[in-house]
């Protein structure tokens, strides 16, 4: 296909995963190295938050949850190569469905345990 006589690029650069060049069909060593670096930094930050008094004591759990979600994001983008491109739609839908099922199972289990605890003699 072409627009105004110019051929369209095979992939739009804004819809690619970080570290993946337009010409590459797969991610290279750079993507994995950057992802590994971010993962190590986030892991070290988690240990620092947990073992020092940089955060107010009730805020430590919130800080660890934020760092955990950042770690999940790093793994999804740099190692599983999930981006915003049209070729990742099924992967993102499957991930969303899996997260929803896990949420339902955990919520249902907590609900059952609370009700059992309240109704025990």
PDB file of N, CA and C in Angstrom:
ATOM      1  N   UNK A   1       0.840  -1.175   0.000  1.00  0.00           N
ATOM      2  CA  UNK A   1       0.000   0.000   0.000  1.00  0.00           C
ATOM      3  C   UNK A   1       0.883   1.236   0.000  1.00  0.00           C
ATOM      4  N   UNK A   2       0.317   2.329  -0.498  1.00  0.00           N
ATOM      5  CA  UNK A   2       1.074   3.571  -0.496  1.00  0.00           C
ATOM      6  C   UNK A   2       0.147   4.745  -0.265  1.00  0.00           C
ATOM      7  N   UNK A   3       0.724   5.809   0.229  1.00  0.00           N
ATOM      8  CA  UNK A   3      -0.002   7.044   0.457  1.00  0.00           C
ATOM      9  C   UNK A   3       0.713   8.129  -0.331  1.00  0.00           C
ATOM     10  N   UNK A   4       0.004   8.769  -1.230  1.00  0.00           N
ATOM     11  CA  UNK A   4       0.549   9.843  -2.057  1.00  0.00           C
ATOM     12  C   UNK A   4       1.823   9.393  -2.767  1.00  0.00           C
ATOM     13  N   UNK A   5       1.818   8.168  -3.261  1.00  0.00           N
ATOM     14  CA  UNK A   5       2.946   7.661  -4.014  1.00  0.00           C
ATOM     15  C   UNK A   5       4.105   7.154  -3.180  1.00  0.00           C
ATOM     16  N   UNK A   6       4.045   7.300  -1.848  1.00  0.00           N
ATOM     17  CA  UNK A   6       5.119   6.804  -0.982  1.00  0.00           C
ATOM     18  C   UNK A   6       4.676   5.504  -0.339  1.00  0.00           C
ATOM     19  N   UNK A   7       5.539   4.514  -0.287  1.00  0.00           N
ATOM     20  CA  UNK A   7       5.154   3.263   0.381  1.00  0.00           C
ATOM     21  C   UNK A   7       5.086   3.460   1.887  1.00  0.00           C
ATOM     22  N   UNK A   8       4.119   2.798   2.519  1.00  0.00           N
ATOM     23  CA  UNK A   8       3.993   2.853   3.975  1.00  0.00           C
ATOM     24  C   UNK A   8       5.070   1.997   4.615  1.00  0.00           C
ATOM     25  N   UNK A   9       5.595   2.418   5.748  1.00  0.00           N
ATOM     26  CA  UNK A   9       6.568   1.560   6.441  1.00  0.00           C
ATOM     27  C   UNK A   9       5.878   0.283   6.910  1.00  0.00           C
ATOM     28  N   UNK A  10       6.680  -0.773   7.032  1.00  0.00           N
ATOM     29  CA  UNK A  10       6.125  -2.058   7.444  1.00  0.00           C
ATOM     30  C   UNK A  10       5.544  -1.989   8.843  1.00  0.00           C
ATOM     31  N   UNK A  11       6.193  -1.282   9.729  1.00  0.00           N
ATOM     32  CA  UNK A  11       5.741  -1.106  11.103  1.00  0.00           C
ATOM     33  C   UNK A  11       5.857   0.356  11.481  1.00  0.00           C
ATOM     34  N   UNK A  12       4.879   0.877  12.146  1.00  0.00           N
ATOM     35  CA  UNK A  12       4.926   2.256  12.595  1.00  0.00           C
ATOM     36  C   UNK A  12       5.842   2.319  13.815  1.00  0.00           C
ATOM     37  N   UNK A  13       6.856   3.184  13.833  1.00  0.00           N
ATOM     38  CA  UNK A  13       7.806   3.210  14.949  1.00  0.00           C
ATOM     39  C   UNK A  13       7.158   3.464  16.305  1.00  0.00           C
ATOM     40  N   UNK A  14       6.048   4.203  16.370  1.00  0.00           N
ATOM     41  CA  UNK A  14       5.409   4.486  17.657  1.00  0.00           C
ATOM     42  C   UNK A  14       4.740   3.240  18.235  1.00  0.00           C
ATOM     43  N   UNK A  15       4.532   2.224  17.414  1.00  0.00           N
ATOM     44  CA  UNK A  15       3.856   1.016  17.869  1.00  0.00           C
ATOM     45  C   UNK A  15       4.828  -0.136  18.067  1.00  0.00           C
ATOM     46  N   UNK A  16       6.025   0.152  18.447  1.00  0.00           N
ATOM     47  CA  UNK A  16       6.988  -0.923  18.657  1.00  0.00           C
ATOM     48  C   UNK A  16       7.405  -0.962  20.118  1.00  0.00           C
ATOM     49  N   UNK A  17       7.899  -2.111  20.501  1.00  0.00           N
ATOM     50  CA  UNK A  17       8.364  -2.307  21.860  1.00  0.00           C
ATOM     51  C   UNK A  17       9.714  -1.628  22.025  1.00  0.00           C
ATOM     52  N   UNK A  18       9.996  -1.021  23.189  1.00  0.00           N
ATOM     53  CA  UNK A  18      11.291  -0.370  23.382  1.00  0.00           C
ATOM     54  C   UNK A  18      12.443  -1.346  23.161  1.00  0.00           C
ATOM     55  N   UNK A  19      13.454  -0.899  22.461  1.00  0.00           N
ATOM     56  CA  UNK A  19      14.626  -1.721  22.203  1.00  0.00           C
ATOM     57  C   UNK A  19      14.526  -2.550  20.944  1.00  0.00           C
ATOM     58  N   UNK A  20      13.373  -2.558  20.275  1.00  0.00           N
ATOM     59  CA  UNK A  20      13.212  -3.338  19.057  1.00  0.00           C
ATOM     60  C   UNK A  20      13.257  -2.382  17.880  1.00  0.00           C
ATOM     61  N   UNK A  21      14.205  -2.576  17.006  1.00  0.00           N
ATOM     62  CA  UNK A  21      14.333  -1.718  15.836  1.00  0.00           C
ATOM     63  C   UNK A  21      13.256  -2.062  14.819  1.00  0.00           C
ATOM     64  N   UNK A  22      12.966  -1.128  13.920  1.00  0.00           N
ATOM     65  CA  UNK A  22      11.908  -1.332  12.934  1.00  0.00           C
ATOM     66  C   UNK A  22      12.254  -2.490  12.015  1.00  0.00           C
ATOM     67  N   UNK A  23      13.524  -2.631  11.653  1.00  0.00           N
ATOM     68  CA  UNK A  23      13.918  -3.684  10.720  1.00  0.00           C
ATOM     69  C   UNK A  23      13.988  -5.059  11.369  1.00  0.00           C
ATOM     70  N   UNK A  24      14.103  -5.106  12.694  1.00  0.00           N
ATOM     71  CA  UNK A  24      14.266  -6.384  13.369  1.00  0.00           C
ATOM     72  C   UNK A  24      12.927  -7.091  13.512  1.00  0.00           C
ATOM     73  N   UNK A  25      12.942  -8.394  13.322  1.00  0.00           N
ATOM     74  CA  UNK A  25      11.724  -9.150  13.555  1.00  0.00           C
ATOM     75  C   UNK A  25      11.618  -9.569  15.016  1.00  0.00           C
ATOM     76  N   UNK A  26      12.733  -9.622  15.714  1.00  0.00           N
ATOM     77  CA  UNK A  26      12.753  -9.963  17.146  1.00  0.00           C
ATOM     78  C   UNK A  26      13.585  -8.947  17.908  1.00  0.00           C
ATOM     79  N   UNK A  27      13.445  -9.016  19.209  1.00  0.00           N
ATOM     80  CA  UNK A  27      14.234  -8.113  20.051  1.00  0.00           C
ATOM     81  C   UNK A  27      15.677  -8.572  20.078  1.00  0.00           C
ATOM     82  N   UNK A  28      16.565  -7.637  20.248  1.00  0.00           N
ATOM     83  CA  UNK A  28      17.981  -7.955  20.296  1.00  0.00           C
ATOM     84  C   UNK A  28      18.500  -8.001  21.710  1.00  0.00           C
ATOM     85  N   UNK A  29      19.792  -8.066  21.785  1.00  0.00           N
ATOM     86  CA  UNK A  29      20.469  -8.129  23.073  1.00  0.00           C
ATOM     87  C   UNK A  29      20.252  -6.842  23.861  1.00  0.00           C
ATOM     88  N   UNK A  30      20.127  -5.721  23.168  1.00  0.00           N
ATOM     89  CA  UNK A  30      19.963  -4.432  23.836  1.00  0.00           C
ATOM     90  C   UNK A  30      18.683  -4.416  24.669  1.00  0.00           C
ATOM     91  N   UNK A  31      17.596  -4.906  24.107  1.00  0.00           N
ATOM     92  CA  UNK A  31      16.321  -4.922  24.822  1.00  0.00           C
ATOM     93  C   UNK A  31      16.416  -5.750  26.096  1.00  0.00           C
ATOM     94  N   UNK A  32      17.010  -6.928  25.995  1.00  0.00           N
ATOM     95  CA  UNK A  32      17.144  -7.783  27.168  1.00  0.00           C
ATOM     96  C   UNK A  32      18.085  -7.184  28.205  1.00  0.00           C
ATOM     97  N   UNK A  33      19.148  -6.536  27.763  1.00  0.00           N
ATOM     98  CA  UNK A  33      20.096  -5.938  28.696  1.00  0.00           C
ATOM     99  C   UNK A  33      19.465  -4.769  29.440  1.00  0.00           C
ATOM    100  N   UNK A  34      18.746  -3.924  28.728  1.00  0.00           N
ATOM    101  CA  UNK A  34      18.071  -2.792  29.375  1.00  0.00           C
ATOM    102  C   UNK A  34      17.010  -3.301  30.350  1.00  0.00           C
ATOM    103  N   UNK A  35      16.237  -4.296  29.937  1.00  0.00           N
ATOM    104  CA  UNK A  35      15.232  -4.877  30.822  1.00  0.00           C
ATOM    105  C   UNK A  35      15.847  -5.502  32.056  1.00  0.00           C
ATOM    106  N   UNK A  36      16.954  -6.203  31.877  1.00  0.00           N
ATOM    107  CA  UNK A  36      17.645  -6.801  33.010  1.00  0.00           C
ATOM    108  C   UNK A  36      18.142  -5.726  33.966  1.00  0.00           C
ATOM    109  N   UNK A  37      18.683  -4.638  33.409  1.00  0.00           N
ATOM    110  CA  UNK A  37      19.153  -3.541  34.248  1.00  0.00           C
ATOM    111  C   UNK A  37      18.024  -2.929  35.071  1.00  0.00           C
ATOM    112  N   UNK A  38      16.872  -2.667  34.423  1.00  0.00           N
ATOM    113  CA  UNK A  38      15.720  -2.136  35.148  1.00  0.00           C
ATOM    114  C   UNK A  38      15.239  -3.112  36.220  1.00  0.00           C
ATOM    115  N   UNK A  39      15.211  -4.412  35.899  1.00  0.00           N
ATOM    116  CA  UNK A  39      14.754  -5.409  36.865  1.00  0.00           C
ATOM    117  C   UNK A  39      15.680  -5.461  38.081  1.00  0.00           C
ATOM    118  N   UNK A  40      16.970  -5.398  37.854  1.00  0.00           N
ATOM    119  CA  UNK A  40      17.931  -5.416  38.967  1.00  0.00           C
ATOM    120  C   UNK A  40      17.768  -4.164  39.823  1.00  0.00           C
ATOM    121  N   UNK A  41      17.640  -3.012  39.178  1.00  0.00           N
ATOM    122  CA  UNK A  41      17.469  -1.759  39.927  1.00  0.00           C
ATOM    123  C   UNK A  41      16.201  -1.803  40.770  1.00  0.00           C
ATOM    124  N   UNK A  42      15.093  -2.279  40.200  1.00  0.00           N
ATOM    125  CA  UNK A  42      13.842  -2.351  40.958  1.00  0.00           C
ATOM    126  C   UNK A  42      13.927  -3.353  42.103  1.00  0.00           C
ATOM    127  N   UNK A  43      14.636  -4.450  41.904  1.00  0.00           N
ATOM    128  CA  UNK A  43      14.818  -5.432  42.971  1.00  0.00           C
ATOM    129  C   UNK A  43      15.633  -4.851  44.115  1.00  0.00           C
ATOM    130  N   UNK A  44      16.723  -4.174  43.778  1.00  0.00           N
ATOM    131  CA  UNK A  44      17.552  -3.545  44.808  1.00  0.00           C
ATOM    132  C   UNK A  44      16.749  -2.481  45.549  1.00  0.00           C
ATOM    133  N   UNK A  45      15.941  -1.706  44.804  1.00  0.00           N
ATOM    134  CA  UNK A  45      15.114  -0.685  45.444  1.00  0.00           C
ATOM    135  C   UNK A  45      14.113  -1.318  46.410  1.00  0.00           C
ATOM    136  N   UNK A  46      13.584  -2.473  46.078  1.00  0.00           N
ATOM    137  CA  UNK A  46      12.649  -3.158  46.976  1.00  0.00           C
ATOM    138  C   UNK A  46      13.328  -3.549  48.279  1.00  0.00           C
ATOM    139  N   UNK A  47      14.543  -4.072  48.178  1.00  0.00           N
ATOM    140  CA  UNK A  47      15.274  -4.436  49.395  1.00  0.00           C
ATOM    141  C   UNK A  47      15.610  -3.203  50.221  1.00  0.00           C
ATOM    142  N   UNK A  48      15.973  -2.112  49.561  1.00  0.00           N
ATOM    143  CA  UNK A  48      16.298  -0.883  50.278  1.00  0.00           C
ATOM    144  C   UNK A  48      15.064  -0.355  51.002  1.00  0.00           C
ATOM    145  N   UNK A  49      13.921  -0.352  50.317  1.00  0.00           N
ATOM    146  CA  UNK A  49      12.681   0.138  50.939  1.00  0.00           C
ATOM    147  C   UNK A  49      12.306  -0.725  52.135  1.00  0.00           C
ATOM    148  N   UNK A  50      12.479  -2.027  52.010  1.00  0.00           N
ATOM    149  CA  UNK A  50      12.057  -2.937  53.077  1.00  0.00           C
ATOM    150  C   UNK A  50      13.003  -2.907  54.283  1.00  0.00           C
ATOM    151  N   UNK A  51      14.288  -2.631  54.070  1.00  0.00           N
ATOM    152  CA  UNK A  51      15.249  -2.770  55.161  1.00  0.00           C
ATOM    153  C   UNK A  51      15.752  -1.451  55.735  1.00  0.00           C
ATOM    154  N   UNK A  52      15.288  -0.328  55.207  1.00  0.00           N
ATOM    155  CA  UNK A  52      15.701   0.960  55.763  1.00  0.00           C
ATOM    156  C   UNK A  52      14.463   1.730  56.204  1.00  0.00           C
ATOM    157  N   UNK A  53      14.695   2.883  56.786  1.00  0.00           N
ATOM    158  CA  UNK A  53      13.564   3.699  57.214  1.00  0.00           C
ATOM    159  C   UNK A  53      13.395   4.905  56.300  1.00  0.00           C
ATOM    160  N   UNK A  54      13.604   4.710  54.996  1.00  0.00           N
ATOM    161  CA  UNK A  54      13.419   5.790  54.037  1.00  0.00           C
ATOM    162  C   UNK A  54      11.945   6.175  53.908  1.00  0.00           C
ATOM    163  N   UNK A  55      11.068   5.200  54.054  1.00  0.00           N
ATOM    164  CA  UNK A  55       9.633   5.449  53.994  1.00  0.00           C
ATOM    165  C   UNK A  55       9.036   5.371  55.390  1.00  0.00           C
ATOM    166  N   UNK A  56       7.957   6.088  55.586  1.00  0.00           N
ATOM    167  CA  UNK A  56       7.194   6.006  56.821  1.00  0.00           C
ATOM    168  C   UNK A  56       6.691   4.571  56.957  1.00  0.00           C
ATOM    169  N   UNK A  57       6.711   3.997  58.140  1.00  0.00           N
ATOM    170  CA  UNK A  57       6.444   2.566  58.355  1.00  0.00           C
ATOM    171  C   UNK A  57       5.170   2.060  57.672  1.00  0.00           C
ATOM    172  N   UNK A  58       4.011   2.739  57.780  1.00  0.00           N
ATOM    173  CA  UNK A  58       2.831   2.234  57.069  1.00  0.00           C
ATOM    174  C   UNK A  58       2.946   2.355  55.540  1.00  0.00           C
ATOM    175  N   UNK A  59       3.852   3.177  55.050  1.00  0.00           N
ATOM    176  CA  UNK A  59       4.000   3.357  53.615  1.00  0.00           C
ATOM    177  C   UNK A  59       4.913   2.347  52.951  1.00  0.00           C
ATOM    178  N   UNK A  60       5.569   1.521  53.735  1.00  0.00           N
ATOM    179  CA  UNK A  60       6.489   0.531  53.167  1.00  0.00           C
ATOM    180  C   UNK A  60       5.739  -0.455  52.285  1.00  0.00           C
ATOM    181  N   UNK A  61       4.584  -0.929  52.745  1.00  0.00           N
ATOM    182  CA  UNK A  61       3.809  -1.881  51.947  1.00  0.00           C
ATOM    183  C   UNK A  61       3.369  -1.252  50.627  1.00  0.00           C
ATOM    184  N   UNK A  62       2.964   0.001  50.675  1.00  0.00           N
ATOM    185  CA  UNK A  62       2.544   0.693  49.449  1.00  0.00           C
ATOM    186  C   UNK A  62       3.738   0.856  48.511  1.00  0.00           C
ATOM    187  N   UNK A  63       4.892   1.207  49.051  1.00  0.00           N
ATOM    188  CA  UNK A  63       6.092   1.330  48.234  1.00  0.00           C
ATOM    189  C   UNK A  63       6.478   0.023  47.568  1.00  0.00           C
ATOM    190  N   UNK A  64       6.366  -1.076  48.308  1.00  0.00           N
ATOM    191  CA  UNK A  64       6.687  -2.381  47.731  1.00  0.00           C
ATOM    192  C   UNK A  64       5.694  -2.786  46.644  1.00  0.00           C
ATOM    193  N   UNK A  65       4.424  -2.443  46.840  1.00  0.00           N
ATOM    194  CA  UNK A  65       3.412  -2.755  45.813  1.00  0.00           C
ATOM    195  C   UNK A  65       3.686  -1.949  44.546  1.00  0.00           C
ATOM    196  N   UNK A  66       4.033  -0.675  44.699  1.00  0.00           N
ATOM    197  CA  UNK A  66       4.348   0.161  43.535  1.00  0.00           C
ATOM    198  C   UNK A  66       5.561  -0.400  42.795  1.00  0.00           C
ATOM    199  N   UNK A  67       6.596  -0.774  43.526  1.00  0.00           N
ATOM    200  CA  UNK A  67       7.783  -1.355  42.890  1.00  0.00           C
ATOM    201  C   UNK A  67       7.469  -2.697  42.233  1.00  0.00           C
ATOM    202  N   UNK A  68       6.561  -3.479  42.830  1.00  0.00           N
ATOM    203  CA  UNK A  68       6.167  -4.759  42.228  1.00  0.00           C
ATOM    204  C   UNK A  68       5.449  -4.543  40.903  1.00  0.00           C
ATOM    205  N   UNK A  69       4.553  -3.557  40.854  1.00  0.00           N
ATOM    206  CA  UNK A  69       3.865  -3.272  39.592  1.00  0.00           C
ATOM    207  C   UNK A  69       4.836  -2.735  38.543  1.00  0.00           C
ATOM    208  N   UNK A  70       5.811  -1.957  38.961  1.00  0.00           N
ATOM    209  CA  UNK A  70       6.833  -1.489  38.026  1.00  0.00           C
ATOM    210  C   UNK A  70       7.634  -2.673  37.487  1.00  0.00           C
ATOM    211  N   UNK A  71       7.939  -3.623  38.367  1.00  0.00           N
ATOM    212  CA  UNK A  71       8.662  -4.826  37.941  1.00  0.00           C
ATOM    213  C   UNK A  71       7.838  -5.634  36.927  1.00  0.00           C
ATOM    214  N   UNK A  72       6.540  -5.745  37.180  1.00  0.00           N
ATOM    215  CA  UNK A  72       5.655  -6.446  36.234  1.00  0.00           C
ATOM    216  C   UNK A  72       5.677  -5.733  34.882  1.00  0.00           C
ATOM    217  N   UNK A  73       5.615  -4.402  34.910  1.00  0.00           N
ATOM    218  CA  UNK A  73       5.658  -3.645  33.657  1.00  0.00           C
ATOM    219  C   UNK A  73       6.954  -3.857  32.895  1.00  0.00           C
ATOM    220  N   UNK A  74       8.074  -3.871  33.607  1.00  0.00           N
ATOM    221  CA  UNK A  74       9.366  -4.106  32.957  1.00  0.00           C
ATOM    222  C   UNK A  74       9.390  -5.487  32.307  1.00  0.00           C
ATOM    223  N   UNK A  75       8.898  -6.486  33.003  1.00  0.00           N
ATOM    224  CA  UNK A  75       8.902  -7.846  32.446  1.00  0.00           C
ATOM    225  C   UNK A  75       7.998  -7.951  31.220  1.00  0.00           C
ATOM    226  N   UNK A  76       6.832  -7.317  31.272  1.00  0.00           N
ATOM    227  CA  UNK A  76       5.909  -7.378  30.132  1.00  0.00           C
ATOM    228  C   UNK A  76       6.481  -6.678  28.911  1.00  0.00           C
ATOM    229  N   UNK A  77       7.121  -5.542  29.100  1.00  0.00           N
ATOM    230  CA  UNK A  77       7.601  -4.761  27.957  1.00  0.00           C
ATOM    231  C   UNK A  77       8.917  -5.298  27.421  1.00  0.00           C
ATOM    232  N   UNK A  78       9.886  -5.536  28.295  1.00  0.00           N
ATOM    233  CA  UNK A  78      11.226  -5.861  27.812  1.00  0.00           C
ATOM    234  C   UNK A  78      11.463  -7.351  27.581  1.00  0.00           C
ATOM    235  N   UNK A  79      10.762  -8.220  28.296  1.00  0.00           N
ATOM    236  CA  UNK A  79      11.010  -9.653  28.132  1.00  0.00           C
ATOM    237  C   UNK A  79       9.899 -10.348  27.345  1.00  0.00           C
ATOM    238  N   UNK A  80       8.653  -9.963  27.553  1.00  0.00           N
ATOM    239  CA  UNK A  80       7.548 -10.554  26.785  1.00  0.00           C
ATOM    240  C   UNK A  80       7.199  -9.720  25.564  1.00  0.00           C
ATOM    241  N   UNK A  81       7.813  -8.548  25.413  1.00  0.00           N
ATOM    242  CA  UNK A  81       7.678  -7.676  24.251  1.00  0.00           C
ATOM    243  C   UNK A  81       6.225  -7.325  23.944  1.00  0.00           C
ATOM    244  N   UNK A  82       5.473  -6.990  24.980  1.00  0.00           N
ATOM    245  CA  UNK A  82       4.097  -6.541  24.778  1.00  0.00           C
ATOM    246  C   UNK A  82       4.111  -5.041  24.573  1.00  0.00           C
ATOM    247  N   UNK A  83       3.645  -4.621  23.435  1.00  0.00           N
ATOM    248  CA  UNK A  83       3.578  -3.205  23.111  1.00  0.00           C
ATOM    249  C   UNK A  83       2.157  -2.821  22.747  1.00  0.00           C
ATOM    250  N   UNK A  84       2.034  -1.698  22.063  1.00  0.00           N
ATOM    251  CA  UNK A  84       0.714  -1.211  21.685  1.00  0.00           C
ATOM    252  C   UNK A  84       0.369  -1.550  20.247  1.00  0.00           C
ATOM    253  N   UNK A  85       1.196  -2.311  19.583  1.00  0.00           N
ATOM    254  CA  UNK A  85       0.951  -2.657  18.190  1.00  0.00           C
ATOM    255  C   UNK A  85      -0.243  -3.570  18.016  1.00  0.00           C
ATOM    256  N   UNK A  86      -0.747  -3.593  16.793  1.00  0.00           N
ATOM    257  CA  UNK A  86      -1.933  -4.399  16.519  1.00  0.00           C
ATOM    258  C   UNK A  86      -1.655  -5.896  16.620  1.00  0.00           C
ATOM    259  N   UNK A  87      -0.399  -6.315  16.487  1.00  0.00           N
ATOM    260  CA  UNK A  87      -0.073  -7.728  16.585  1.00  0.00           C
ATOM    261  C   UNK A  87      -0.064  -8.235  18.026  1.00  0.00           C
ATOM    262  N   UNK A  88      -0.160  -7.354  19.004  1.00  0.00           N
ATOM    263  CA  UNK A  88      -0.158  -7.755  20.415  1.00  0.00           C
ATOM    264  C   UNK A  88      -1.544  -7.748  21.045  1.00  0.00           C
ATOM    265  N   UNK A  89      -2.580  -7.504  20.255  1.00  0.00           N
ATOM    266  CA  UNK A  89      -3.926  -7.390  20.816  1.00  0.00           C
ATOM    267  C   UNK A  89      -4.352  -8.670  21.518  1.00  0.00           C
ATOM    268  N   UNK A  90      -4.137  -9.815  20.893  1.00  0.00           N
ATOM    269  CA  UNK A  90      -4.538 -11.084  21.516  1.00  0.00           C
ATOM    270  C   UNK A  90      -3.753 -11.359  22.789  1.00  0.00           C
ATOM    271  N   UNK A  91      -2.469 -11.027  22.798  1.00  0.00           N
ATOM    272  CA  UNK A  91      -1.660 -11.235  23.997  1.00  0.00           C
ATOM    273  C   UNK A  91      -2.152 -10.376  25.152  1.00  0.00           C
ATOM    274  N   UNK A  92      -2.481  -9.138  24.863  1.00  0.00           N
ATOM    275  CA  UNK A  92      -2.950  -8.233  25.918  1.00  0.00           C
ATOM    276  C   UNK A  92      -4.316  -8.671  26.420  1.00  0.00           C
ATOM    277  N   UNK A  93      -5.189  -9.122  25.518  1.00  0.00           N
ATOM    278  CA  UNK A  93      -6.496  -9.625  25.951  1.00  0.00           C
ATOM    279  C   UNK A  93      -6.351 -10.879  26.807  1.00  0.00           C
ATOM    280  N   UNK A  94      -5.449 -11.770  26.441  1.00  0.00           N
ATOM    281  CA  UNK A  94      -5.225 -12.982  27.233  1.00  0.00           C
ATOM    282  C   UNK A  94      -4.652 -12.624  28.604  1.00  0.00           C
ATOM    283  N   UNK A  95      -3.735 -11.670  28.657  1.00  0.00           N
ATOM    284  CA  UNK A  95      -3.181 -11.228  29.930  1.00  0.00           C
ATOM    285  C   UNK A  95      -4.263 -10.601  30.804  1.00  0.00           C
ATOM    286  N   UNK A  96      -5.106  -9.767  30.220  1.00  0.00           N
ATOM    287  CA  UNK A  96      -6.192  -9.140  30.964  1.00  0.00           C
ATOM    288  C   UNK A  96      -7.152 -10.185  31.510  1.00  0.00           C
ATOM    289  N   UNK A  97      -7.487 -11.163  30.705  1.00  0.00           N
ATOM    290  CA  UNK A  97      -8.376 -12.237  31.146  1.00  0.00           C
ATOM    291  C   UNK A  97      -7.735 -13.016  32.296  1.00  0.00           C
ATOM    292  N   UNK A  98      -6.458 -13.327  32.187  1.00  0.00           N
ATOM    293  CA  UNK A  98      -5.768 -14.050  33.260  1.00  0.00           C
ATOM    294  C   UNK A  98      -5.727 -13.269  34.556  1.00  0.00           C
ATOM    295  N   UNK A  99      -5.465 -11.972  34.460  1.00  0.00           N
ATOM    296  CA  UNK A  99      -5.445 -11.127  35.660  1.00  0.00           C
ATOM    297  C   UNK A  99      -6.843 -11.077  36.281  1.00  0.00           C
ATOM    298  N   UNK A 100      -7.870 -10.982  35.451  1.00  0.00           N
ATOM    299  CA  UNK A 100      -9.255 -10.960  35.951  1.00  0.00           C
ATOM    300  C   UNK A 100      -9.594 -12.266  36.678  1.00  0.00           C
ATOM    301  N   UNK A 101      -9.213 -13.408  36.134  1.00  0.00           N
ATOM    302  CA  UNK A 101      -9.492 -14.698  36.773  1.00  0.00           C
ATOM    303  C   UNK A 101      -8.764 -14.801  38.110  1.00  0.00           C
ATOM    304  N   UNK A 102      -7.506 -14.393  38.149  1.00  0.00           N
ATOM    305  CA  UNK A 102      -6.751 -14.425  39.412  1.00  0.00           C
ATOM    306  C   UNK A 102      -7.410 -13.520  40.444  1.00  0.00           C
ATOM    307  N   UNK A 103      -7.850 -12.330  40.024  1.00  0.00           N
ATOM    308  CA  UNK A 103      -8.542 -11.414  40.929  1.00  0.00           C
ATOM    309  C   UNK A 103      -9.817 -12.052  41.471  1.00  0.00           C
ATOM    310  N   UNK A 104     -10.592 -12.693  40.608  1.00  0.00           N
ATOM    311  CA  UNK A 104     -11.835 -13.334  41.052  1.00  0.00           C
ATOM    312  C   UNK A 104     -11.561 -14.464  42.042  1.00  0.00           C
ATOM    313  N   UNK A 105     -10.554 -15.268  41.773  1.00  0.00           N
ATOM    314  CA  UNK A 105     -10.230 -16.384  42.668  1.00  0.00           C
ATOM    315  C   UNK A 105      -9.765 -15.854  44.028  1.00  0.00           C
ATOM    316  N   UNK A 106      -8.891 -14.863  44.036  1.00  0.00           N
ATOM    317  CA  UNK A 106      -8.416 -14.315  45.305  1.00  0.00           C
ATOM    318  C   UNK A 106      -9.534 -13.626  46.078  1.00  0.00           C
ATOM    319  N   UNK A 107     -10.338 -12.826  45.398  1.00  0.00           N
ATOM    320  CA  UNK A 107     -11.440 -12.139  46.061  1.00  0.00           C
ATOM    321  C   UNK A 107     -12.457 -13.136  46.606  1.00  0.00           C
ATOM    322  N   UNK A 108     -12.806 -14.133  45.812  1.00  0.00           N
ATOM    323  CA  UNK A 108     -13.750 -15.152  46.261  1.00  0.00           C
ATOM    324  C   UNK A 108     -13.213 -15.944  47.443  1.00  0.00           C
ATOM    325  N   UNK A 109     -11.940 -16.269  47.415  1.00  0.00           N
ATOM    326  CA  UNK A 109     -11.346 -17.018  48.529  1.00  0.00           C
ATOM    327  C   UNK A 109     -11.357 -16.192  49.815  1.00  0.00           C
ATOM    328  N   UNK A 110     -10.999 -14.917  49.707  1.00  0.00           N
ATOM    329  CA  UNK A 110     -11.029 -14.055  50.896  1.00  0.00           C
ATOM    330  C   UNK A 110     -12.451 -13.894  51.417  1.00  0.00           C
ATOM    331  N   UNK A 111     -13.413 -13.753  50.523  1.00  0.00           N
ATOM    332  CA  UNK A 111     -14.802 -13.610  50.918  1.00  0.00           C
ATOM    333  C   UNK A 111     -15.286 -14.860  51.664  1.00  0.00           C
ATOM    334  N   UNK A 112     -14.945 -16.027  51.136  1.00  0.00           N
ATOM    335  CA  UNK A 112     -15.345 -17.287  51.775  1.00  0.00           C
ATOM    336  C   UNK A 112     -14.683 -17.414  53.137  1.00  0.00           C
ATOM    337  N   UNK A 113     -13.400 -17.084  53.247  1.00  0.00           N
ATOM    338  CA  UNK A 113     -12.720 -17.199  54.541  1.00  0.00           C
ATOM    339  C   UNK A 113     -13.280 -16.238  55.577  1.00  0.00           C
ATOM    340  N   UNK A 114     -13.617 -15.022  55.165  1.00  0.00           N
ATOM    341  CA  UNK A 114     -14.211 -14.056  56.100  1.00  0.00           C
ATOM    342  C   UNK A 114     -15.565 -14.544  56.565  1.00  0.00           C
ATOM    343  N   UNK A 115     -16.390 -15.056  55.655  1.00  0.00           N
ATOM    344  CA  UNK A 115     -17.703 -15.563  56.039  1.00  0.00           C
ATOM    345  C   UNK A 115     -17.601 -16.794  56.938  1.00  0.00           C
ATOM    346  N   UNK A 116     -16.652 -17.680  56.666  1.00  0.00           N
ATOM    347  CA  UNK A 116     -16.463 -18.853  57.512  1.00  0.00           C
ATOM    348  C   UNK A 116     -16.011 -18.432  58.908  1.00  0.00           C
ATOM    349  N   UNK A 117     -15.084 -17.468  58.970  1.00  0.00           N
ATOM    350  CA  UNK A 117     -14.607 -16.992  60.254  1.00  0.00           C
ATOM    351  C   UNK A 117     -15.726 -16.335  61.061  1.00  0.00           C
ATOM    352  N   UNK A 118     -16.593 -15.592  60.396  1.00  0.00           N
ATOM    353  CA  UNK A 118     -17.688 -14.919  61.097  1.00  0.00           C
ATOM    354  C   UNK A 118     -18.766 -15.901  61.565  1.00  0.00           C
ATOM    355  N   UNK A 119     -18.921 -17.002  60.847  1.00  0.00           N
ATOM    356  CA  UNK A 119     -19.991 -17.955  61.185  1.00  0.00           C
ATOM    357  C   UNK A 119     -19.535 -19.143  62.029  1.00  0.00           C
ATOM    358  N   UNK A 120     -18.243 -19.189  62.369  1.00  0.00           N
ATOM    359  CA  UNK A 120     -17.749 -20.276  63.219  1.00  0.00           C
ATOM    360  C   UNK A 120     -18.156 -20.023  64.674  1.00  0.00           C
ATOM    361  N   UNK A 121     -18.280 -21.061  65.413  1.00  0.00           N
ATOM    362  CA  UNK A 121     -18.661 -20.925  66.824  1.00  0.00           C
ATOM    363  C   UNK A 121     -17.521 -20.421  67.667  1.00  0.00           C
TER     364      UNK A 121
END
